[in-house]
Amino acid sequence: MADTISFKLNGKPTQLQVDGDRMLLWVLRTELGLTGPKYGCGEGHCGCCTVLVDKVAYRSCLMPVSSVKGKEVLTVEGLEQEDGKLHPVQKAFMTHDALQCGFCIPGQVLNAVSLLNRNPQPTREQIIQSMNNNFCRCGAYTRIVDAVQAAAAEMKGA
């Protein structure tokens, strides 16, 4: 049975007729055509499916779409700034070559944005602790941490 689910997606009002128990990841990818959130493990461990819900990082593979009713969901596709420029975290990932294969990057970027929303000037240890639950199969962890530090510094100066 389909439910009417209304929420804000990447800054735009969105309304769907969908089974409310369906996982947000699959609704984003199949009904809405957003490929930023990836299917990795399907159990919430790897972080490839990370999205922001009301500015906090969540695993979309574990979230029924009904849980975002009335909330704001942000995927990496919606992270670009209003003037068309990349978000400082995205720029820092490019500058610090923290991309490698790119599969985990949307989740990594959104997890970093969530961290910086909570703590604009995290220590290196706090970054490591926060980013530790997003897996990178390429092993770009040091460059990812460097990128988050650089983004925090840029955002402080902005």
Foldseek 3Di string as FASTA:
>chain_A
DWDWAWAAELNHIDIDTHPQQQFQLCCCCPVVPDPQQDDDPLPQQAQSRWKAKQLATDRSSPHRSNVNRHIYIYWLVSQQDPVRHHQLLVVLCVVLVLQVPNSSVRRLSSLLSSVCVVPLQDDLVSNCVSSVRHDDPVPSVVSSSVSSNRSSVVVVVD
